[in-house]
C-alpha atoms as a PDB file:
ATOM      1  CA  MET A   1    -242.821  30.394   4.873  1.00  0.00           C
ATOM      2  CA  SER A   2    -244.414  29.471   1.813  1.00  0.00           C
ATOM      3  CA  SER A   3    -242.841  26.101   0.858  1.00  0.00           C
ATOM      4  CA  ASP A   4    -245.563  25.580  -1.835  1.00  0.00           C
ATOM      5  CA  ASP A   5    -244.822  22.669  -4.056  1.00  0.00           C
ATOM      6  CA  ASP A   6    -247.521  21.875  -6.272  1.00  0.00           C
ATOM      7  CA  ARG A   7    -245.257  20.976  -9.359  1.00  0.00           C
ATOM      8  CA  GLY A   8    -246.927  17.740  -9.708  1.00  0.00           C
ATOM      9  CA  ALA A   9    -249.672  18.827 -11.481  1.00  0.00           C
ATOM     10  CA  PRO A  10    -249.698  17.974 -15.367  1.00  0.00           C
ATOM     11  CA  ARG A  11    -247.907  19.771 -17.693  1.00  0.00           C
ATOM     12  CA  HIS A  12    -249.371  20.296 -21.378  1.00  0.00           C
ATOM     13  CA  GLY A  13    -246.710  20.340 -23.881  1.00  0.00           C
ATOM     14  CA  ALA A  14    -243.863  18.896 -22.385  1.00  0.00           C
ATOM     15  CA  ARG A  15    -241.019  17.551 -24.102  1.00  0.00           C
ATOM     16  CA  PRO A  16    -239.749  14.973 -21.417  1.00  0.00           C
ATOM     17  CA  GLU A  17    -236.345  13.347 -21.681  1.00  0.00           C
ATOM     18  CA  GLY A  18    -236.128   9.382 -21.198  1.00  0.00           C
ATOM     19  CA  GLY A  19    -239.228   7.228 -21.140  1.00  0.00           C
ATOM     20  CA  GLY A  20    -239.613   4.348 -23.010  1.00  0.00           C
ATOM     21  CA  PRO A  21    -241.605   0.888 -22.096  1.00  0.00           C
ATOM     22  CA  GLY A  22    -241.612   0.553 -18.593  1.00  0.00           C
ATOM     23  CA  LEU A  23    -239.903   3.928 -17.771  1.00  0.00           C
ATOM     24  CA  PRO A  24    -241.041   7.366 -16.517  1.00  0.00           C
ATOM     25  CA  GLU A  25    -241.023  10.125 -18.666  1.00  0.00           C
ATOM     26  CA  ILE A  26    -238.718  13.035 -17.154  1.00  0.00           C
ATOM     27  CA  ASP A  27    -239.155  16.344 -17.037  1.00  0.00           C
ATOM     28  CA  VAL A  28    -236.671  18.596 -14.830  1.00  0.00           C
ATOM     29  CA  ARG A  29    -237.498  22.330 -16.620  1.00  0.00           C
ATOM     30  CA  GLU A  30    -239.575  24.967 -14.480  1.00  0.00           C
ATOM     31  CA  TRP A  31    -243.387  25.756 -15.771  1.00  0.00           C
ATOM     32  CA  GLY A  32    -245.569  28.895 -14.855  1.00  0.00           C
ATOM     33  CA  GLY A  33    -248.553  30.070 -15.862  1.00  0.00           C
ATOM     34  CA  LYS A  34    -249.730  31.231 -19.513  1.00  0.00           C
ATOM     35  CA  ARG A  35    -248.431  34.358 -20.979  1.00  0.00           C
ATOM     36  CA  ASP A  36    -249.311  35.681 -24.182  1.00  0.00           C
ATOM     37  CA  GLY A  37    -251.539  32.244 -24.519  1.00  0.00           C
ATOM     38  CA  GLU A  38    -248.672  29.996 -24.052  1.00  0.00           C
ATOM     39  CA  ARG A  39    -247.447  28.383 -20.902  1.00  0.00           C
ATOM     40  CA  GLN A  40    -244.171  29.542 -19.935  1.00  0.00           C
ATOM     41  CA  VAL A  41    -241.272  27.095 -19.497  1.00  0.00           C
ATOM     42  CA  MET A  42    -237.693  27.403 -18.903  1.00  0.00           C
ATOM     43  CA  ASP A  43    -234.687  25.223 -17.876  1.00  0.00           C
ATOM     44  CA  ARG A  44    -232.978  28.004 -15.641  1.00  0.00           C
ATOM     45  CA  ARG A  45    -233.133  28.583 -11.690  1.00  0.00           C
ATOM     46  CA  LEU A  46    -231.141  30.231  -9.673  1.00  0.00           C
ATOM     47  CA  PHE A  47    -228.549  28.361  -6.946  1.00  0.00           C
ATOM     48  CA  MET A  48    -228.139  30.454  -3.393  1.00  0.00           C
ATOM     49  CA  GLN A  49    -225.617  29.230  -0.601  1.00  0.00           C
ATOM     50  CA  LEU A  50    -225.687  30.485   2.995  1.00  0.00           C
ATOM     51  CA  LEU A  51    -222.181  29.930   4.511  1.00  0.00           C
ATOM     52  CA  VAL A  52    -221.714  30.739   8.249  1.00  0.00           C
ATOM     53  CA  PHE A  53    -218.678  31.599  10.183  1.00  0.00           C
ATOM     54  CA  ASP A  54    -217.247  32.579  13.835  1.00  0.00           C
ATOM     55  CA  VAL A  55    -214.108  34.576  13.740  1.00  0.00           C
ATOM     56  CA  PRO A  56    -211.637  32.576  16.033  1.00  0.00           C
ATOM     57  CA  ALA A  57    -210.864  34.215  19.888  1.00  0.00           C
ATOM     58  CA  ASP A  58    -207.381  34.863  18.529  1.00  0.00           C
ATOM     59  CA  ARG A  59    -204.975  37.881  19.215  1.00  0.00           C
ATOM     60  CA  ASP A  60    -203.481  37.227  16.225  1.00  0.00           C
ATOM     61  CA  LEU A  61    -206.658  37.702  14.063  1.00  0.00           C
ATOM     62  CA  PRO A  62    -208.333  41.281  13.522  1.00  0.00           C
ATOM     63  CA  SER A  63    -211.824  41.927  15.042  1.00  0.00           C
ATOM     64  CA  PRO A  64    -214.714  40.169  13.677  1.00  0.00           C
ATOM     65  CA  ALA A  65    -215.609  43.435  12.075  1.00  0.00           C
ATOM     66  CA  ASP A  66    -212.186  43.676  10.322  1.00  0.00           C
ATOM     67  CA  VAL A  67    -212.889  40.312   9.072  1.00  0.00           C
ATOM     68  CA  GLN A  68    -216.053  41.273   7.674  1.00  0.00           C
ATOM     69  CA  ARG A  69    -214.535  43.908   5.755  1.00  0.00           C
ATOM     70  CA  GLU A  70    -211.354  42.111   4.431  1.00  0.00           C
ATOM     71  CA  LEU A  71    -213.831  39.503   3.307  1.00  0.00           C
ATOM     72  CA  ALA A  72    -216.173  41.971   1.724  1.00  0.00           C
ATOM     73  CA  ARG A  73    -213.513  43.695  -0.314  1.00  0.00           C
ATOM     74  CA  ALA A  74    -212.451  40.264  -1.428  1.00  0.00           C
ATOM     75  CA  LEU A  75    -215.643  39.154  -2.552  1.00  0.00           C
ATOM     76  CA  ILE A  76    -215.965  42.523  -4.677  1.00  0.00           C
ATOM     77  CA  ASP A  77    -212.427  41.899  -6.234  1.00  0.00           C
ATOM     78  CA  ALA A  78    -213.637  38.709  -7.238  1.00  0.00           C
ATOM     79  CA  GLY A  79    -216.981  40.140  -8.810  1.00  0.00           C
ATOM     80  CA  VAL A  80    -218.980  37.917  -6.307  1.00  0.00           C
ATOM     81  CA  ALA A  81    -222.765  39.236  -5.955  1.00  0.00           C
ATOM     82  CA  HIS A  82    -223.280  38.892  -2.246  1.00  0.00           C
ATOM     83  CA  VAL A  83    -224.929  39.767   1.212  1.00  0.00           C
ATOM     84  CA  LEU A  84    -222.972  39.831   4.154  1.00  0.00           C
ATOM     85  CA  TYR A  85    -224.791  39.084   7.452  1.00  0.00           C
ATOM     86  CA  ALA A  86    -223.658  39.785  11.242  1.00  0.00           C
ATOM     87  CA  ASP A  87    -224.794  36.648  13.309  1.00  0.00           C
ATOM     88  CA  THR A  88    -227.556  37.956  15.903  1.00  0.00           C
ATOM     89  CA  ASN A  89    -226.523  35.237  18.153  1.00  0.00           C
ATOM     90  CA  SER A  90    -223.105  34.939  17.872  1.00  0.00           C
ATOM     91  CA  PRO A  91    -220.696  38.088  19.085  1.00  0.00           C
ATOM     92  CA  SER A  92    -217.970  36.847  16.466  1.00  0.00           C
ATOM     93  CA  GLY A  93    -220.242  35.208  13.628  1.00  0.00           C
ATOM     94  CA  LEU A  94    -221.047  36.240  10.375  1.00  0.00           C
ATOM     95  CA  ALA A  95    -222.212  34.728   7.211  1.00  0.00           C
ATOM     96  CA  LEU A  96    -222.128  34.832   3.808  1.00  0.00           C
ATOM     97  CA  LEU A  97    -225.058  34.776   1.072  1.00  0.00           C
ATOM     98  CA  THR A  98    -224.033  33.854  -2.367  1.00  0.00           C
ATOM     99  CA  TRP A  99    -225.806  33.257  -5.639  1.00  0.00           C
ATOM    100  CA  SER A 100    -225.776  31.994  -9.357  1.00  0.00           C
ATOM    101  CA  GLU A 101    -227.159  30.259 -11.985  1.00  0.00           C
ATOM    102  CA  ASP A 102    -224.307  27.694 -12.018  1.00  0.00           C
ATOM    103  CA  PRO A 103    -223.473  25.622  -9.191  1.00  0.00           C
ATOM    104  CA  ALA A 104    -219.970  25.394 -10.086  1.00  0.00           C
ATOM    105  CA  HIS A 105    -219.834  29.458  -9.255  1.00  0.00           C
ATOM    106  CA  PHE A 106    -219.441  28.383  -5.174  1.00  0.00           C
ATOM    107  CA  VAL A 107    -216.726  25.922  -6.174  1.00  0.00           C
ATOM    108  CA  ASP A 108    -214.583  28.145  -8.895  1.00  0.00           C
ATOM    109  CA  ARG A 109    -215.458  31.563  -7.401  1.00  0.00           C
ATOM    110  CA  VAL A 110    -216.658  31.607  -4.068  1.00  0.00           C
ATOM    111  CA  ARG A 111    -214.200  28.989  -2.453  1.00  0.00           C
ATOM    112  CA  PRO A 112    -211.173  30.445  -3.698  1.00  0.00           C
ATOM    113  CA  VAL A 113    -211.774  33.666  -1.677  1.00  0.00           C
ATOM    114  CA  PHE A 114    -211.378  31.405   1.737  1.00  0.00           C
ATOM    115  CA  HIS A 115    -208.074  30.504   0.667  1.00  0.00           C
ATOM    116  CA  GLU A 116    -205.988  33.901   1.379  1.00  0.00           C
ATOM    117  CA  GLY A 117    -205.484  36.140   4.273  1.00  0.00           C
ATOM    118  CA  THR A 118    -207.080  35.703   7.544  1.00  0.00           C
ATOM    119  CA  ARG A 119    -209.879  34.212   5.682  1.00  0.00           C
ATOM    120  CA  ARG A 120    -208.349  31.048   5.617  1.00  0.00           C
ATOM    121  CA  ARG A 121    -208.843  30.954   9.495  1.00  0.00           C
ATOM    122  CA  LEU A 122    -212.325  31.532   9.853  1.00  0.00           C
ATOM    123  CA  VAL A 123    -214.110  28.479  11.248  1.00  0.00           C
ATOM    124  CA  GLN A 124    -217.068  27.103   9.380  1.00  0.00           C
ATOM    125  CA  ARG A 125    -220.543  26.293  11.384  1.00  0.00           C
ATOM    126  CA  HIS A 126    -221.105  23.223   8.915  1.00  0.00           C
ATOM    127  CA  ASP A 127    -224.485  22.665  10.615  1.00  0.00           C
ATOM    128  CA  HIS A 128    -225.811  25.985   9.570  1.00  0.00           C
ATOM    129  CA  THR A 129    -224.540  25.742   5.587  1.00  0.00           C
ATOM    130  CA  MET A 130    -227.618  26.155   3.414  1.00  0.00           C
ATOM    131  CA  ILE A 131    -227.998  25.590  -0.105  1.00  0.00           C
ATOM    132  CA  GLY A 132    -231.067  25.242  -2.905  1.00  0.00           C
ATOM    133  CA  ARG A 133    -232.405  26.291  -6.027  1.00  0.00           C
ATOM    134  CA  THR A 134    -235.242  28.013  -6.897  1.00  0.00           C
ATOM    135  CA  TYR A 135    -238.094  26.530  -8.140  1.00  0.00           C
ATOM    136  CA  SER A 136    -241.731  27.283  -9.833  1.00  0.00           C
ATOM    137  CA  LEU A 137    -245.189  26.773  -8.526  1.00  0.00           C
ATOM    138  CA  GLY A 138    -246.747  26.280 -11.736  1.00  0.00           C
ATOM    139  CA  HIS A 139    -248.835  29.305 -12.071  1.00  0.00           C
ATOM    140  CA  GLU A 140    -246.134  31.978 -12.266  1.00  0.00           C
ATOM    141  CA  PRO A 141    -247.256  35.038 -13.998  1.00  0.00           C
ATOM    142  CA  ASP A 142    -243.891  35.637 -14.979  1.00  0.00           C
ATOM    143  CA  LEU A 143    -241.448  33.142 -14.820  1.00  0.00           C
ATOM    144  CA  GLU A 144    -238.088  34.316 -15.133  1.00  0.00           C
ATOM    145  CA  HIS A 145    -238.685  37.076 -12.684  1.00  0.00           C
ATOM    146  CA  GLY A 146    -239.746  34.574 -10.321  1.00  0.00           C
ATOM    147  CA  LEU A 147    -236.771  32.242 -10.625  1.00  0.00           C
ATOM    148  CA  LEU A 148    -234.199  34.332 -11.463  1.00  0.00           C
ATOM    149  CA  ARG A 149    -234.523  38.061 -10.234  1.00  0.00           C
ATOM    150  CA  ARG A 150    -237.019  38.332  -7.498  1.00  0.00           C
ATOM    151  CA  PRO A 151    -235.044  36.350  -4.758  1.00  0.00           C
ATOM    152  CA  VAL A 152    -232.045  38.664  -5.455  1.00  0.00           C
ATOM    153  CA  GLU A 153    -234.466  41.713  -5.330  1.00  0.00           C
ATOM    154  CA  TYR A 154    -235.341  40.895  -1.948  1.00  0.00           C
ATOM    155  CA  VAL A 155    -232.107  40.101  -0.826  1.00  0.00           C
ATOM    156  CA  LEU A 156    -230.396  42.914  -2.188  1.00  0.00           C
ATOM    157  CA  HIS A 157    -233.376  45.369  -0.851  1.00  0.00           C
ATOM    158  CA  GLU A 158    -231.838  48.684   1.108  1.00  0.00           C
ATOM    159  CA  GLY A 159    -233.865  48.427   4.421  1.00  0.00           C
ATOM    160  CA  TRP A 160    -235.011  44.907   4.122  1.00  0.00           C
ATOM    161  CA  ASP A 161    -231.700  44.176   6.475  1.00  0.00           C
ATOM    162  CA  TRP A 162    -233.027  41.901   8.937  1.00  0.00           C
ATOM    163  CA  ALA A 163    -232.916  37.932   7.894  1.00  0.00           C
ATOM    164  CA  VAL A 164    -233.690  34.344   9.188  1.00  0.00           C
ATOM    165  CA  TRP A 165    -232.688  31.355   6.975  1.00  0.00           C
ATOM    166  CA  TYR A 166    -233.572  27.770   8.020  1.00  0.00           C
ATOM    167  CA  PRO A 167    -234.042  24.747   6.129  1.00  0.00           C
ATOM    168  CA  LEU A 168    -237.096  22.308   6.672  1.00  0.00           C
ATOM    169  CA  ARG A 169    -238.153  18.885   5.870  1.00  0.00           C
ATOM    170  CA  ARG A 170    -242.043  17.342   5.442  1.00  0.00           C
ATOM    171  CA  SER A 171    -243.226  13.773   6.436  1.00  0.00           C
ATOM    172  CA  GLY A 172    -243.772  11.728   4.096  1.00  0.00           C
ATOM    173  CA  ALA A 173    -247.355  11.463   5.170  1.00  0.00           C
ATOM    174  CA  PHE A 174    -247.485  14.874   2.708  1.00  0.00           C
ATOM    175  CA  GLU A 175    -247.015  13.033  -0.505  1.00  0.00           C
ATOM    176  CA  LYS A 176    -249.582  10.630   0.364  1.00  0.00           C
ATOM    177  CA  LEU A 177    -252.328  12.963   0.176  1.00  0.00           C
ATOM    178  CA  GLU A 178    -254.260  13.569  -2.936  1.00  0.00           C
ATOM    179  CA  LYS A 179    -253.427  16.103  -5.350  1.00  0.00           C
ATOM    180  CA  HIS A 180    -256.399  18.203  -4.337  1.00  0.00           C
ATOM    181  CA  ASP A 181    -255.770  17.738  -0.247  1.00  0.00           C
ATOM    182  CA  GLN A 182    -252.271  18.746  -1.066  1.00  0.00           C
ATOM    183  CA  SER A 183    -253.347  21.750  -2.940  1.00  0.00           C
ATOM    184  CA  ILE A 184    -255.668  22.846   0.411  1.00  0.00           C
ATOM    185  CA  VAL A 185    -252.916  22.483   2.388  1.00  0.00           C
ATOM    186  CA  LEU A 186    -250.332  24.648   0.722  1.00  0.00           C
ATOM    187  CA  ARG A 187    -253.008  27.316  -0.018  1.00  0.00           C
ATOM    188  CA  GLU A 188    -254.002  27.889   3.724  1.00  0.00           C
ATOM    189  CA  HIS A 189    -249.867  28.165   4.182  1.00  0.00           C
ATOM    190  CA  ALA A 190    -249.308  30.528   1.534  1.00  0.00           C
ATOM    191  CA  SER A 191    -252.143  32.878   2.324  1.00  0.00           C
ATOM    192  CA  ILE A 192    -250.399  33.666   5.192  1.00  0.00           C
ATOM    193  CA  GLY A 193    -247.352  34.530   3.538  1.00  0.00           C
ATOM    194  CA  MET A 194    -248.691  36.313   1.127  1.00  0.00           C
ATOM    195  CA  ALA A 195    -250.402  38.585   3.676  1.00  0.00           C
ATOM    196  CA  TYR A 196    -247.316  39.421   5.633  1.00  0.00           C
ATOM    197  CA  GLY A 197    -245.496  40.405   2.143  1.00  0.00           C
ATOM    198  CA  ARG A 198    -248.351  42.517   0.992  1.00  0.00           C
ATOM    199  CA  ALA A 199    -248.233  44.382   4.612  1.00  0.00           C
ATOM    200  CA  ASP A 200    -244.410  44.882   3.668  1.00  0.00           C
ATOM    201  CA  LEU A 201    -243.604  42.675   7.222  1.00  0.00           C
ATOM    202  CA  ALA A 202    -241.731  39.800   5.692  1.00  0.00           C
ATOM    203  CA  HIS A 203    -240.821  38.691   2.412  1.00  0.00           C
ATOM    204  CA  ASP A 204    -239.635  34.933   1.782  1.00  0.00           C
ATOM    205  CA  VAL A 205    -237.221  33.182  -0.581  1.00  0.00           C
ATOM    206  CA  ARG A 206    -238.231  29.588  -1.396  1.00  0.00           C
ATOM    207  CA  LEU A 207    -235.668  27.020  -2.300  1.00  0.00           C
ATOM    208  CA  ALA A 208    -235.783  23.307  -2.936  1.00  0.00           C
ATOM    209  CA  CYS A 209    -232.804  21.388  -1.191  1.00  0.00           C
ATOM    210  CA  HIS A 210    -233.747  17.951  -2.172  1.00  0.00           C
ATOM    211  CA  GLY A 211    -230.688  15.821  -2.254  1.00  0.00           C
ATOM    212  CA  LEU A 212    -228.200  18.999  -1.603  1.00  0.00           C
ATOM    213  CA  ASP A 213    -228.704  19.015   1.957  1.00  0.00           C
ATOM    214  CA  ALA A 214    -226.776  17.228   4.234  1.00  0.00           C
ATOM    215  CA  GLY A 215    -229.353  16.920   6.768  1.00  0.00           C
ATOM    216  CA  ASP A 216    -231.777  15.433   4.237  1.00  0.00           C
ATOM    217  CA  ASN A 217    -233.945  18.678   4.066  1.00  0.00           C
ATOM    218  CA  GLU A 218    -236.181  19.669   1.348  1.00  0.00           C
ATOM    219  CA  PHE A 219    -236.763  23.508   1.302  1.00  0.00           C
ATOM    220  CA  VAL A 220    -234.697  25.987   2.851  1.00  0.00           C
ATOM    221  CA  VAL A 221    -236.919  29.530   3.560  1.00  0.00           C
ATOM    222  CA  GLY A 222    -235.346  32.984   3.723  1.00  0.00           C
ATOM    223  CA  LEU A 223    -237.579  35.527   5.685  1.00  0.00           C
ATOM    224  CA  VAL A 224    -236.505  39.189   5.036  1.00  0.00           C
ATOM    225  CA  GLY A 225    -237.853  42.655   6.061  1.00  0.00           C
ATOM    226  CA  LYS A 226    -237.552  46.052   7.927  1.00  0.00           C
ATOM    227  CA  ALA A 227    -237.671  44.237  11.596  1.00  0.00           C
ATOM    228  CA  LEU A 228    -237.211  41.358  12.981  1.00  0.00           C
ATOM    229  CA  HIS A 229    -240.569  40.928  15.087  1.00  0.00           C
ATOM    230  CA  PRO A 230    -242.362  40.106  12.071  1.00  0.00           C
ATOM    231  CA  LEU A 231    -240.070  37.751  11.217  1.00  0.00           C
ATOM    232  CA  SER A 232    -240.537  35.738  14.181  1.00  0.00           C
ATOM    233  CA  HIS A 233    -244.256  36.451  14.073  1.00  0.00           C
ATOM    234  CA  VAL A 234    -244.756  35.052  10.602  1.00  0.00           C
ATOM    235  CA  VAL A 235    -242.867  31.854  11.534  1.00  0.00           C
ATOM    236  CA  GLN A 236    -245.323  31.400  15.035  1.00  0.00           C
ATOM    237  CA  SER A 237    -248.340  32.189  12.678  1.00  0.00           C
ATOM    238  CA  MET A 238    -247.496  29.266  10.445  1.00  0.00           C
ATOM    239  CA  ARG A 239    -247.196  26.932  13.457  1.00  0.00           C
ATOM    240  CA  HIS A 240    -250.930  26.976  13.275  1.00  0.00           C
ATOM    241  CA  THR A 241    -251.240  25.602   9.846  1.00  0.00           C
ATOM    242  CA  ARG A 242    -252.053  22.189   8.961  1.00  0.00           C
ATOM    243  CA  GLN A 243    -248.743  22.084   6.601  1.00  0.00           C
ATOM    244  CA  THR A 244    -246.674  23.180  10.150  1.00  0.00           C
ATOM    245  CA  SER A 245    -248.804  21.334  12.894  1.00  0.00           C
ATOM    246  CA  GLU A 246    -248.770  17.805  10.899  1.00  0.00           C
ATOM    247  CA  PHE A 247    -246.646  17.618   8.101  1.00  0.00           C
ATOM    248  CA  ILE A 248    -243.494  19.246   9.051  1.00  0.00           C
ATOM    249  CA  VAL A 249    -241.121  17.150  10.863  1.00  0.00           C
ATOM    250  CA  LYS A 250    -237.939  19.010  11.445  1.00  0.00           C
ATOM    251  CA  MET A 251    -237.117  22.695  10.989  1.00  0.00           C
ATOM    252  CA  GLY A 252    -233.937  24.656  11.526  1.00  0.00           C
ATOM    253  CA  PRO A 253    -231.344  25.471  12.440  1.00  0.00           C
ATOM    254  CA  PHE A 254    -232.316  29.167  12.141  1.00  0.00           C
ATOM    255  CA  PHE A 255    -229.856  31.490  11.310  1.00  0.00           C
ATOM    256  CA  VAL A 256    -230.808  35.196  12.376  1.00  0.00           C
ATOM    257  CA  GLY A 257    -228.849  37.943  11.019  1.00  0.00           C
ATOM    258  CA  ARG A 258    -228.480  41.833   9.940  1.00  0.00           C
ATOM    259  CA  ALA A 259    -227.053  42.540   6.732  1.00  0.00           C
ATOM    260  CA  VAL A 260    -224.004  45.104   7.110  1.00  0.00           C
ATOM    261  CA  HIS A 261    -222.894  44.618   3.438  1.00  0.00           C
ATOM    262  CA  ARG A 262    -224.274  44.154  -0.180  1.00  0.00           C
ATOM    263  CA  HIS A 263    -222.921  43.890  -3.276  1.00  0.00           C
ATOM    264  CA  ALA A 264    -224.632  43.118  -6.684  1.00  0.00           C
ATOM    265  CA  GLY A 265    -221.871  41.804  -8.613  1.00  0.00           C
ATOM    266  CA  GLY A 266    -219.558  42.719 -11.363  1.00  0.00           C
ATOM    267  CA  ALA A 267    -215.746  43.500 -10.804  1.00  0.00           C
ATOM    268  CA  LYS A 268    -214.396  46.165  -8.718  1.00  0.00           C
ATOM    269  CA  PRO A 269    -213.643  49.474 -11.122  1.00  0.00           C
END
């Protein structure tokens, strides 16, 4: 959807790391708009991961619905916040969305859930694995909310059960544009996404995945909403923008699912 990225703008008051003669100054923090007269800045972001599985066609295994319930119980027992999706395009498919500020969470907390019971025999569809981190656009009125809370609120929102997740990559030609021209391209794209959001038709989660994605993608986009058709419609509408028509070189694979279980985290009572 709106994979806007204007973080290349000058950041006044930054305390960059490194630098020195002949070396660039590095600043890995996230910057937002001004608040109480001061530019917001924080060195926190949220990592989100989508894993997609198929339940093998084996008489010794429970049904996909039973496996789904077993997985949900195990995640709750482990205190892992999550959303489980039934895969619209696979009768035996399901997907797990989890998140944390600490990427070690996926190794230390999520991975062990799949080491026991029938969950050990789930077949992962590696081509649909997606992981990324929230990022700032540089003008967020509430930076902490935009980076840490809003994505979780969107995926946990009761009634926004339909979801479309996909990665994308832009061409190098976009990076060669002047910053002013990049801003024009991004604003056209973003305005469409904002219109769908304000109409409560589609809401997007934007993640950067540079260096994290096996397919060398740059962004992961999650669209959530009350109905599936508007999620498809917004993707269709975006095809007419200059960003998509000229500068997107790869999109997908697409995962289409419906939320069947949500848990906000915390240990089971």
